[in-house]
Amino acid sequence: MIEPLRDLPVDFIHEPPKGYEYKVRQHKPNVISIWLYHRRDYVYTTDMVNTIWGFYHSKRQKYYAPINSKKPGEEVSINNTRPYTAMQLNLNPLEQCMYQ
């Protein structure tokens, strides 16, 4: 397991959900990956389980939704992300009204 290398970006607006915590890893020289860790009882492991939240490019000061844990996707506004993920919701017009 790779240990966290840095702190969260200064403009990161989310607080971790209850029972979760954010950790940061160096992904590339100017890109960090933001991970969401949580402790739950699973049958297959006693280790802390994690999932990728997204990526942050420090020179551009931009956030990116993940394609997977190794590849950043499209740029996103931090205001359009959620505490659990930077991935964007693909909603139809009716669903969009419910999330506003």
C-alpha atoms as a PDB file:
ATOM      1  CA  MET A   1       0.000   0.000   0.000  1.00  0.00           C
ATOM      2  CA  ILE A   2       1.256   3.482  -0.880  1.00  0.00           C
ATOM      3  CA  GLU A   3       1.352   5.895   2.037  1.00  0.00           C
ATOM      4  CA  PRO A   4      -0.185   9.372   1.713  1.00  0.00           C
ATOM      5  CA  LEU A   5       2.333  11.968   0.579  1.00  0.00           C
ATOM      6  CA  ARG A   6       0.560  15.324   0.889  1.00  0.00           C
ATOM      7  CA  ASP A   7      -2.423  17.153   2.299  1.00  0.00           C
ATOM      8  CA  LEU A   8      -5.686  17.838   0.498  1.00  0.00           C
ATOM      9  CA  PRO A   9      -5.750  20.896  -1.788  1.00  0.00           C
ATOM     10  CA  VAL A  10      -6.587  24.138   0.013  1.00  0.00           C
ATOM     11  CA  ASP A  11      -9.769  24.682  -2.036  1.00  0.00           C
ATOM     12  CA  PHE A  12     -11.125  21.146  -1.425  1.00  0.00           C
ATOM     13  CA  ILE A  13     -14.613  21.884  -0.046  1.00  0.00           C
ATOM     14  CA  HIS A  14     -15.817  18.482   1.150  1.00  0.00           C
ATOM     15  CA  GLU A  15     -15.756  17.071   4.646  1.00  0.00           C
ATOM     16  CA  PRO A  16     -15.459  13.280   4.733  1.00  0.00           C
ATOM     17  CA  PRO A  17     -18.720  11.438   5.425  1.00  0.00           C
ATOM     18  CA  LYS A  18     -19.063   9.924   8.897  1.00  0.00           C
ATOM     19  CA  GLY A  19     -16.709   6.960   9.286  1.00  0.00           C
ATOM     20  CA  TYR A  20     -14.629   7.950   6.246  1.00  0.00           C
ATOM     21  CA  GLU A  21     -11.418   9.891   5.696  1.00  0.00           C
ATOM     22  CA  TYR A  22      -9.598  11.369   2.714  1.00  0.00           C
ATOM     23  CA  LYS A  23      -5.997  10.506   1.903  1.00  0.00           C
ATOM     24  CA  VAL A  24      -3.812  11.860  -0.867  1.00  0.00           C
ATOM     25  CA  ARG A  25      -1.201  10.037  -2.957  1.00  0.00           C
ATOM     26  CA  GLN A  26       1.258  11.288  -5.524  1.00  0.00           C
ATOM     27  CA  HIS A  27       0.003  10.102  -8.927  1.00  0.00           C
ATOM     28  CA  LYS A  28       2.362  11.992 -11.263  1.00  0.00           C
ATOM     29  CA  PRO A  29       4.751  14.894 -10.596  1.00  0.00           C
ATOM     30  CA  ASN A  30       1.980  17.531 -10.768  1.00  0.00           C
ATOM     31  CA  VAL A  31      -1.043  15.301 -10.136  1.00  0.00           C
ATOM     32  CA  ILE A  32      -2.309  13.857  -6.867  1.00  0.00           C
ATOM     33  CA  SER A  33      -4.995  11.236  -6.438  1.00  0.00           C
ATOM     34  CA  ILE A  34      -7.562  11.741  -3.686  1.00  0.00           C
ATOM     35  CA  TRP A  35      -8.804   8.576  -2.005  1.00  0.00           C
ATOM     36  CA  LEU A  36     -11.753   7.913   0.283  1.00  0.00           C
ATOM     37  CA  TYR A  37     -11.009   5.361   3.029  1.00  0.00           C
ATOM     38  CA  HIS A  38     -13.450   3.664   5.371  1.00  0.00           C
ATOM     39  CA  ARG A  39     -13.524   0.914   7.949  1.00  0.00           C
ATOM     40  CA  ARG A  40     -16.308  -1.580   7.609  1.00  0.00           C
ATOM     41  CA  ASP A  41     -16.531  -5.254   8.337  1.00  0.00           C
ATOM     42  CA  TYR A  42     -16.093  -7.236   5.144  1.00  0.00           C
ATOM     43  CA  VAL A  43     -15.783 -10.989   4.844  1.00  0.00           C
ATOM     44  CA  TYR A  44     -12.793 -10.829   2.513  1.00  0.00           C
ATOM     45  CA  THR A  45     -10.538  -8.402   4.419  1.00  0.00           C
ATOM     46  CA  THR A  46      -9.837  -6.717   7.724  1.00  0.00           C
ATOM     47  CA  ASP A  47      -7.869  -3.932   6.015  1.00  0.00           C
ATOM     48  CA  MET A  48      -9.170  -0.423   5.532  1.00  0.00           C
ATOM     49  CA  VAL A  49     -11.108  -0.310   2.234  1.00  0.00           C
ATOM     50  CA  ASN A  50     -10.562   2.582  -0.174  1.00  0.00           C
ATOM     51  CA  THR A  51     -11.950   4.017  -3.377  1.00  0.00           C
ATOM     52  CA  ILE A  52     -10.717   6.734  -5.700  1.00  0.00           C
ATOM     53  CA  TRP A  53     -12.451  10.102  -5.222  1.00  0.00           C
ATOM     54  CA  GLY A  54     -10.711  11.914  -8.064  1.00  0.00           C
ATOM     55  CA  PHE A  55      -7.539  13.687  -9.182  1.00  0.00           C
ATOM     56  CA  TYR A  56      -6.095  17.168  -8.702  1.00  0.00           C
ATOM     57  CA  HIS A  57      -3.532  18.862 -10.964  1.00  0.00           C
ATOM     58  CA  SER A  58      -1.530  21.177  -8.707  1.00  0.00           C
ATOM     59  CA  LYS A  59      -0.079  23.478 -11.389  1.00  0.00           C
ATOM     60  CA  ARG A  60      -3.403  23.982 -13.186  1.00  0.00           C
ATOM     61  CA  GLN A  61      -5.352  23.912  -9.892  1.00  0.00           C
ATOM     62  CA  LYS A  62      -8.045  21.757 -11.543  1.00  0.00           C
ATOM     63  CA  TYR A  63      -9.962  18.686 -10.419  1.00  0.00           C
ATOM     64  CA  TYR A  64     -10.618  15.655 -12.619  1.00  0.00           C
ATOM     65  CA  ALA A  65     -13.168  12.870 -12.313  1.00  0.00           C
ATOM     66  CA  PRO A  66     -11.629   9.408 -12.367  1.00  0.00           C
ATOM     67  CA  ILE A  67     -11.989   7.020 -15.295  1.00  0.00           C
ATOM     68  CA  ASN A  68     -10.482   4.421 -12.966  1.00  0.00           C
ATOM     69  CA  SER A  69      -7.966   4.492 -10.124  1.00  0.00           C
ATOM     70  CA  LYS A  70      -5.047   5.009 -12.493  1.00  0.00           C
ATOM     71  CA  LYS A  71      -6.474   7.409 -15.091  1.00  0.00           C
ATOM     72  CA  PRO A  72      -7.963  10.910 -14.706  1.00  0.00           C
ATOM     73  CA  GLY A  73     -10.970  11.750 -16.849  1.00  0.00           C
ATOM     74  CA  GLU A  74     -12.655  15.042 -17.638  1.00  0.00           C
ATOM     75  CA  GLU A  75     -12.139  18.261 -15.715  1.00  0.00           C
ATOM     76  CA  VAL A  76     -14.853  19.003 -13.141  1.00  0.00           C
ATOM     77  CA  SER A  77     -15.758  21.959 -10.974  1.00  0.00           C
ATOM     78  CA  ILE A  78     -15.253  21.215  -7.285  1.00  0.00           C
ATOM     79  CA  ASN A  79     -18.722  22.713  -6.720  1.00  0.00           C
ATOM     80  CA  ASN A  80     -20.267  19.966  -8.891  1.00  0.00           C
ATOM     81  CA  THR A  81     -18.698  17.102  -6.977  1.00  0.00           C
ATOM     82  CA  ARG A  82     -19.947  15.131  -3.987  1.00  0.00           C
ATOM     83  CA  PRO A  83     -18.158  13.973  -0.836  1.00  0.00           C
ATOM     84  CA  TYR A  84     -18.057  10.377  -2.122  1.00  0.00           C
ATOM     85  CA  THR A  85     -16.802  11.020  -5.675  1.00  0.00           C
ATOM     86  CA  ALA A  86     -15.849  13.560  -8.314  1.00  0.00           C
ATOM     87  CA  MET A  87     -17.700  11.524 -10.940  1.00  0.00           C
ATOM     88  CA  GLN A  88     -20.530  13.462 -12.512  1.00  0.00           C
ATOM     89  CA  LEU A  89     -24.131  12.288 -12.443  1.00  0.00           C
ATOM     90  CA  ASN A  90     -25.669  11.537 -15.828  1.00  0.00           C
ATOM     91  CA  LEU A  91     -29.249  12.664 -15.178  1.00  0.00           C
ATOM     92  CA  ASN A  92     -32.237  13.145 -17.454  1.00  0.00           C
ATOM     93  CA  PRO A  93     -34.139  16.480 -17.122  1.00  0.00           C
ATOM     94  CA  LEU A  94     -36.638  15.104 -14.590  1.00  0.00           C
ATOM     95  CA  GLU A  95     -33.861  13.698 -12.393  1.00  0.00           C
ATOM     96  CA  GLN A  96     -31.985  17.008 -12.616  1.00  0.00           C
ATOM     97  CA  CYS A  97     -34.969  18.783 -11.045  1.00  0.00           C
ATOM     98  CA  MET A  98     -34.901  16.375  -8.102  1.00  0.00           C
ATOM     99  CA  TYR A  99     -31.174  17.047  -7.385  1.00  0.00           C
ATOM    100  CA  GLN A 100     -31.445  20.856  -7.369  1.00  0.00           C
END
